[in-house]
Amino acid sequence: MNLNVSGHHLEITPAIRSYLASKLERVTRHFDHVIDAHVILSVDKLVQKAEITLHVPGKDIHCECVEHDLYAAIDLLADKLHRQVEKYKTKSGAKSHVPVKRQTAV
């Protein structure tokens, strides 16, 4: 998985990057078809915002979370993303169709 992290009004430190990578590892452990992820961390006065766009085959999954603490926002973002990826997995796996045999007249 290619991880791209950017910050708006925020410097991305190695600690934040490693914490984010460890949280997103849970998603890639359960679903290994992730192409890449774009994460934007931003600060607006007292509000910390984390958003992610995850590129998977056939779909882009986007979620965002707003909290007063950046690490709490990353935790909630990982939980939301995990739920959305699980939903995507169940929907994509449910599309297998069994062909119907037709009876021919003799």
C-alpha atoms as a PDB file:
ATOM      1  CA  MET A   1       0.000   0.000   0.000  1.00  0.00           C
ATOM      2  CA  ASN A   2       1.260   3.440  -0.919  1.00  0.00           C
ATOM      3  CA  LEU A   3       0.614   5.884   1.952  1.00  0.00           C
ATOM      4  CA  ASN A   4       0.579   9.633   1.203  1.00  0.00           C
ATOM      5  CA  VAL A   5       0.227  11.917   4.263  1.00  0.00           C
ATOM      6  CA  SER A   6      -0.138  15.688   4.042  1.00  0.00           C
ATOM      7  CA  GLY A   7      -0.857  18.339   6.647  1.00  0.00           C
ATOM      8  CA  HIS A   8      -2.722  21.625   6.407  1.00  0.00           C
ATOM      9  CA  HIS A   9      -1.505  24.123   9.015  1.00  0.00           C
ATOM     10  CA  LEU A  10       0.297  21.215  10.629  1.00  0.00           C
ATOM     11  CA  GLU A  11       3.756  19.690  10.384  1.00  0.00           C
ATOM     12  CA  ILE A  12       3.722  15.924   9.926  1.00  0.00           C
ATOM     13  CA  THR A  13       6.221  14.536  12.410  1.00  0.00           C
ATOM     14  CA  PRO A  14       7.673  11.019  12.206  1.00  0.00           C
ATOM     15  CA  ALA A  15       5.680  10.122  15.350  1.00  0.00           C
ATOM     16  CA  ILE A  16       2.378  11.105  13.715  1.00  0.00           C
ATOM     17  CA  ARG A  17       3.318   9.272  10.506  1.00  0.00           C
ATOM     18  CA  SER A  18       4.242   6.055  12.344  1.00  0.00           C
ATOM     19  CA  TYR A  19       1.097   6.228  14.522  1.00  0.00           C
ATOM     20  CA  LEU A  20      -1.051   6.629  11.424  1.00  0.00           C
ATOM     21  CA  ALA A  21       0.716   3.773   9.641  1.00  0.00           C
ATOM     22  CA  SER A  22       0.206   1.470  12.629  1.00  0.00           C
ATOM     23  CA  LYS A  23      -3.511   2.284  12.728  1.00  0.00           C
ATOM     24  CA  LEU A  24      -3.943   1.720   8.981  1.00  0.00           C
ATOM     25  CA  GLU A  25      -2.083  -1.573   9.219  1.00  0.00           C
ATOM     26  CA  ARG A  26      -5.229  -3.086  10.763  1.00  0.00           C
ATOM     27  CA  VAL A  27      -7.164  -2.319   7.576  1.00  0.00           C
ATOM     28  CA  THR A  28      -4.510  -3.782   5.290  1.00  0.00           C
ATOM     29  CA  ARG A  29      -4.229  -6.878   7.472  1.00  0.00           C
ATOM     30  CA  HIS A  30      -7.890  -7.747   6.799  1.00  0.00           C
ATOM     31  CA  PHE A  31      -8.023  -6.493   3.199  1.00  0.00           C
ATOM     32  CA  ASP A  32      -4.883  -6.682   1.087  1.00  0.00           C
ATOM     33  CA  HIS A  33      -6.292  -5.221  -2.161  1.00  0.00           C
ATOM     34  CA  VAL A  34      -5.660  -1.598  -1.144  1.00  0.00           C
ATOM     35  CA  ILE A  35      -3.929   0.319  -3.938  1.00  0.00           C
ATOM     36  CA  ASP A  36      -3.049   3.511  -2.068  1.00  0.00           C
ATOM     37  CA  ALA A  37      -4.234   5.857   0.660  1.00  0.00           C
ATOM     38  CA  HIS A  38      -4.221   9.654   0.799  1.00  0.00           C
ATOM     39  CA  VAL A  39      -4.441  11.104   4.312  1.00  0.00           C
ATOM     40  CA  ILE A  40      -4.967  14.795   5.077  1.00  0.00           C
ATOM     41  CA  LEU A  41      -4.487  16.027   8.641  1.00  0.00           C
ATOM     42  CA  SER A  42      -5.538  19.589   9.377  1.00  0.00           C
ATOM     43  CA  VAL A  43      -5.914  22.003  12.274  1.00  0.00           C
ATOM     44  CA  ASP A  44      -8.547  24.740  12.391  1.00  0.00           C
ATOM     45  CA  LYS A  45      -8.414  26.735  15.632  1.00  0.00           C
ATOM     46  CA  LEU A  46      -9.271  24.150  18.332  1.00  0.00           C
ATOM     47  CA  VAL A  47     -10.519  21.426  16.009  1.00  0.00           C
ATOM     48  CA  GLN A  48      -8.299  18.651  14.634  1.00  0.00           C
ATOM     49  CA  LYS A  49      -9.496  16.951  11.449  1.00  0.00           C
ATOM     50  CA  ALA A  50      -8.315  13.734   9.834  1.00  0.00           C
ATOM     51  CA  GLU A  51      -9.588  12.496   6.487  1.00  0.00           C
ATOM     52  CA  ILE A  52      -8.600   9.634   4.226  1.00  0.00           C
ATOM     53  CA  THR A  53      -9.324   8.463   0.709  1.00  0.00           C
ATOM     54  CA  LEU A  54      -8.576   4.790   0.222  1.00  0.00           C
ATOM     55  CA  HIS A  55      -8.295   3.510  -3.346  1.00  0.00           C
ATOM     56  CA  VAL A  56      -9.468  -0.080  -3.750  1.00  0.00           C
ATOM     57  CA  PRO A  57     -10.268  -1.907  -6.994  1.00  0.00           C
ATOM     58  CA  GLY A  58     -13.459  -0.441  -8.414  1.00  0.00           C
ATOM     59  CA  LYS A  59     -14.105   2.125  -5.683  1.00  0.00           C
ATOM     60  CA  ASP A  60     -12.699   4.983  -3.610  1.00  0.00           C
ATOM     61  CA  ILE A  61     -13.553   4.886   0.093  1.00  0.00           C
ATOM     62  CA  HIS A  62     -13.554   8.266   1.843  1.00  0.00           C
ATOM     63  CA  CYS A  63     -14.108   9.073   5.500  1.00  0.00           C
ATOM     64  CA  GLU A  64     -13.277  11.942   7.806  1.00  0.00           C
ATOM     65  CA  CYS A  65     -13.312  12.571  11.520  1.00  0.00           C
ATOM     66  CA  VAL A  66     -13.156  15.724  13.660  1.00  0.00           C
ATOM     67  CA  GLU A  67     -11.960  15.759  17.281  1.00  0.00           C
ATOM     68  CA  HIS A  68     -10.194  18.030  19.755  1.00  0.00           C
ATOM     69  CA  ASP A  69      -7.141  15.737  19.812  1.00  0.00           C
ATOM     70  CA  LEU A  70      -5.356  14.641  16.615  1.00  0.00           C
ATOM     71  CA  TYR A  71      -4.565  11.155  17.927  1.00  0.00           C
ATOM     72  CA  ALA A  72      -8.227  10.643  18.896  1.00  0.00           C
ATOM     73  CA  ALA A  73      -9.260  11.753  15.412  1.00  0.00           C
ATOM     74  CA  ILE A  74      -6.847   9.222  13.878  1.00  0.00           C
ATOM     75  CA  ASP A  75      -8.259   6.466  16.128  1.00  0.00           C
ATOM     76  CA  LEU A  76     -11.846   7.232  15.119  1.00  0.00           C
ATOM     77  CA  LEU A  77     -10.806   7.508  11.477  1.00  0.00           C
ATOM     78  CA  ALA A  78      -9.252   4.032  11.602  1.00  0.00           C
ATOM     79  CA  ASP A  79     -12.420   2.599  13.166  1.00  0.00           C
ATOM     80  CA  LYS A  80     -14.674   4.199  10.541  1.00  0.00           C
ATOM     81  CA  LEU A  81     -12.412   3.069   7.733  1.00  0.00           C
ATOM     82  CA  HIS A  82     -12.309  -0.484   9.058  1.00  0.00           C
ATOM     83  CA  ARG A  83     -16.134  -0.634   9.111  1.00  0.00           C
ATOM     84  CA  GLN A  84     -16.377   0.730   5.562  1.00  0.00           C
ATOM     85  CA  VAL A  85     -13.777  -1.716   4.227  1.00  0.00           C
ATOM     86  CA  GLU A  86     -15.594  -4.638   5.870  1.00  0.00           C
ATOM     87  CA  LYS A  87     -18.836  -3.466   4.253  1.00  0.00           C
ATOM     88  CA  TYR A  88     -17.078  -3.209   0.877  1.00  0.00           C
ATOM     89  CA  LYS A  89     -15.663  -6.720   1.277  1.00  0.00           C
ATOM     90  CA  THR A  90     -19.056  -8.245   2.020  1.00  0.00           C
ATOM     91  CA  LYS A  91     -20.717  -6.426  -0.886  1.00  0.00           C
ATOM     92  CA  SER A  92     -18.011  -7.341  -3.387  1.00  0.00           C
ATOM     93  CA  GLY A  93     -18.023 -10.983  -2.254  1.00  0.00           C
ATOM     94  CA  ALA A  94     -21.810 -11.265  -2.507  1.00  0.00           C
ATOM     95  CA  LYS A  95     -21.791 -10.663  -6.267  1.00  0.00           C
ATOM     96  CA  SER A  96     -20.886 -14.205  -7.262  1.00  0.00           C
ATOM     97  CA  HIS A  97     -23.751 -15.541  -9.359  1.00  0.00           C
ATOM     98  CA  VAL A  98     -24.583 -19.150  -9.999  1.00  0.00           C
ATOM     99  CA  PRO A  99     -25.604 -19.776 -13.596  1.00  0.00           C
ATOM    100  CA  VAL A 100     -29.092 -21.170 -14.054  1.00  0.00           C
ATOM    101  CA  LYS A 101     -29.399 -24.354 -16.082  1.00  0.00           C
ATOM    102  CA  ARG A 102     -32.187 -24.220 -18.605  1.00  0.00           C
ATOM    103  CA  GLN A 103     -34.089 -27.283 -19.576  1.00  0.00           C
ATOM    104  CA  THR A 104     -34.304 -27.996 -23.239  1.00  0.00           C
ATOM    105  CA  ALA A 105     -37.401 -29.426 -24.843  1.00  0.00           C
ATOM    106  CA  VAL A 106     -36.933 -32.843 -26.412  1.00  0.00           C
END
